[in-house]
Amino acid sequence: MRLGGQLSAASTVGQGSNFTLILVLERCEAPAPTPIATTLSGFTALVVDDNALNRRGARALVERLGGTVSEAGDGRAGVT
């Protein structure tokens, strides 16, 4: 293999297969995470879903972060 690892496979008819991949990788430093918005103040989201429970969950998430929500129960209602 190009990365210097090992790949093997074993198979038994009627029982299945077992695949093994072994790679030795170097540890590297991850870049610092990009900060995300902690508030949605002034943000309005349009949530369109035919499932009321999904709409309620999305509403709760947006409102918890300070945003407001408009809802529609289907695509047609969402664009009118």
C-alpha atoms as a PDB file:
ATOM      1  CA  MET A   1       0.000   0.000   0.000  1.00  0.00           C
ATOM      2  CA  ARG A   2       1.129   3.549  -0.684  1.00  0.00           C
ATOM      3  CA  LEU A   3       0.820   4.584   2.977  1.00  0.00           C
ATOM      4  CA  GLY A   4       2.891   1.630   4.142  1.00  0.00           C
ATOM      5  CA  GLY A   5      -0.014  -0.120   5.857  1.00  0.00           C
ATOM      6  CA  GLN A   6      -1.437  -3.598   5.665  1.00  0.00           C
ATOM      7  CA  LEU A   7      -4.745  -4.766   4.204  1.00  0.00           C
ATOM      8  CA  SER A   8      -6.087  -8.270   4.596  1.00  0.00           C
ATOM      9  CA  ALA A   9      -9.345 -10.088   3.975  1.00  0.00           C
ATOM     10  CA  ALA A  10     -10.729 -13.433   5.082  1.00  0.00           C
ATOM     11  CA  SER A  11     -14.011 -14.923   3.955  1.00  0.00           C
ATOM     12  CA  THR A  12     -15.984 -17.998   4.938  1.00  0.00           C
ATOM     13  CA  VAL A  13     -18.864 -19.090   2.703  1.00  0.00           C
ATOM     14  CA  GLY A  14     -22.165 -18.732   4.527  1.00  0.00           C
ATOM     15  CA  GLN A  15     -20.609 -16.853   7.453  1.00  0.00           C
ATOM     16  CA  GLY A  16     -19.308 -13.586   6.018  1.00  0.00           C
ATOM     17  CA  SER A  17     -16.084 -11.692   5.528  1.00  0.00           C
ATOM     18  CA  ASN A  18     -13.585  -9.939   7.756  1.00  0.00           C
ATOM     19  CA  PHE A  19     -11.503  -7.026   6.444  1.00  0.00           C
ATOM     20  CA  THR A  20      -8.569  -5.555   8.372  1.00  0.00           C
ATOM     21  CA  LEU A  21      -6.742  -2.318   7.587  1.00  0.00           C
ATOM     22  CA  ILE A  22      -3.709  -1.280   9.604  1.00  0.00           C
ATOM     23  CA  LEU A  23      -2.203   2.189   9.106  1.00  0.00           C
ATOM     24  CA  VAL A  24       0.507   3.857  11.141  1.00  0.00           C
ATOM     25  CA  LEU A  25      -0.243   7.583  11.044  1.00  0.00           C
ATOM     26  CA  GLU A  26       1.616  10.543  12.459  1.00  0.00           C
ATOM     27  CA  ARG A  27      -0.097  12.662  15.050  1.00  0.00           C
ATOM     28  CA  CYS A  28      -0.652  16.252  13.953  1.00  0.00           C
ATOM     29  CA  GLU A  29      -2.010  19.349  15.597  1.00  0.00           C
ATOM     30  CA  ALA A  30      -5.584  20.186  14.722  1.00  0.00           C
ATOM     31  CA  PRO A  31      -6.290  23.763  13.667  1.00  0.00           C
ATOM     32  CA  ALA A  32      -8.073  25.928  16.196  1.00  0.00           C
ATOM     33  CA  PRO A  33     -11.841  25.676  15.775  1.00  0.00           C
ATOM     34  CA  THR A  34     -13.581  28.578  14.111  1.00  0.00           C
ATOM     35  CA  PRO A  35     -15.910  30.286  16.581  1.00  0.00           C
ATOM     36  CA  ILE A  36     -19.575  29.846  15.777  1.00  0.00           C
ATOM     37  CA  ALA A  37     -22.396  32.258  16.435  1.00  0.00           C
ATOM     38  CA  THR A  38     -23.690  31.915  19.963  1.00  0.00           C
ATOM     39  CA  THR A  39     -26.658  34.117  19.288  1.00  0.00           C
ATOM     40  CA  LEU A  40     -29.168  34.424  16.484  1.00  0.00           C
ATOM     41  CA  SER A  41     -30.489  37.758  17.683  1.00  0.00           C
ATOM     42  CA  GLY A  42     -32.100  39.536  14.723  1.00  0.00           C
ATOM     43  CA  PHE A  43     -32.158  36.326  12.679  1.00  0.00           C
ATOM     44  CA  THR A  44     -35.427  34.906  11.345  1.00  0.00           C
ATOM     45  CA  ALA A  45     -35.625  31.335  10.086  1.00  0.00           C
ATOM     46  CA  LEU A  46     -38.324  29.821   7.898  1.00  0.00           C
ATOM     47  CA  VAL A  47     -38.897  26.212   8.974  1.00  0.00           C
ATOM     48  CA  VAL A  48     -40.803  24.127   6.428  1.00  0.00           C
ATOM     49  CA  ASP A  49     -41.657  20.534   7.355  1.00  0.00           C
ATOM     50  CA  ASP A  50     -44.791  18.433   7.148  1.00  0.00           C
ATOM     51  CA  ASN A  51     -44.008  16.975  10.570  1.00  0.00           C
ATOM     52  CA  ALA A  52     -45.089  19.262  13.416  1.00  0.00           C
ATOM     53  CA  LEU A  53     -42.657  17.640  15.840  1.00  0.00           C
ATOM     54  CA  ASN A  54     -39.716  18.482  13.543  1.00  0.00           C
ATOM     55  CA  ARG A  55     -40.931  22.079  13.241  1.00  0.00           C
ATOM     56  CA  ARG A  56     -41.253  22.344  17.012  1.00  0.00           C
ATOM     57  CA  GLY A  57     -37.685  21.065  17.510  1.00  0.00           C
ATOM     58  CA  ALA A  58     -36.247  23.487  14.968  1.00  0.00           C
ATOM     59  CA  ARG A  59     -38.224  26.355  16.502  1.00  0.00           C
ATOM     60  CA  ALA A  60     -36.923  25.522  19.984  1.00  0.00           C
ATOM     61  CA  LEU A  61     -33.318  25.457  18.769  1.00  0.00           C
ATOM     62  CA  VAL A  62     -33.520  28.792  16.927  1.00  0.00           C
ATOM     63  CA  GLU A  63     -35.444  30.517  19.707  1.00  0.00           C
ATOM     64  CA  ARG A  64     -33.024  29.212  22.366  1.00  0.00           C
ATOM     65  CA  LEU A  65     -30.304  31.124  20.513  1.00  0.00           C
ATOM     66  CA  GLY A  66     -32.415  34.307  20.345  1.00  0.00           C
ATOM     67  CA  GLY A  67     -33.791  34.046  16.807  1.00  0.00           C
ATOM     68  CA  THR A  68     -37.374  34.059  15.603  1.00  0.00           C
ATOM     69  CA  VAL A  69     -39.140  31.455  13.490  1.00  0.00           C
ATOM     70  CA  SER A  70     -41.818  31.414  10.847  1.00  0.00           C
ATOM     71  CA  GLU A  71     -43.320  27.992  10.138  1.00  0.00           C
ATOM     72  CA  ALA A  72     -44.977  26.302   7.206  1.00  0.00           C
ATOM     73  CA  GLY A  73     -46.424  22.808   7.070  1.00  0.00           C
ATOM     74  CA  ASP A  74     -45.498  22.157   3.429  1.00  0.00           C
ATOM     75  CA  GLY A  75     -43.501  23.572   0.541  1.00  0.00           C
ATOM     76  CA  ARG A  76     -46.408  25.402  -1.037  1.00  0.00           C
ATOM     77  CA  ALA A  77     -47.186  27.214   2.217  1.00  0.00           C
ATOM     78  CA  GLY A  78     -43.485  28.001   2.618  1.00  0.00           C
ATOM     79  CA  VAL A  79     -43.274  29.977  -0.619  1.00  0.00           C
ATOM     80  CA  THR A  80     -46.553  31.856  -0.381  1.00  0.00           C
END
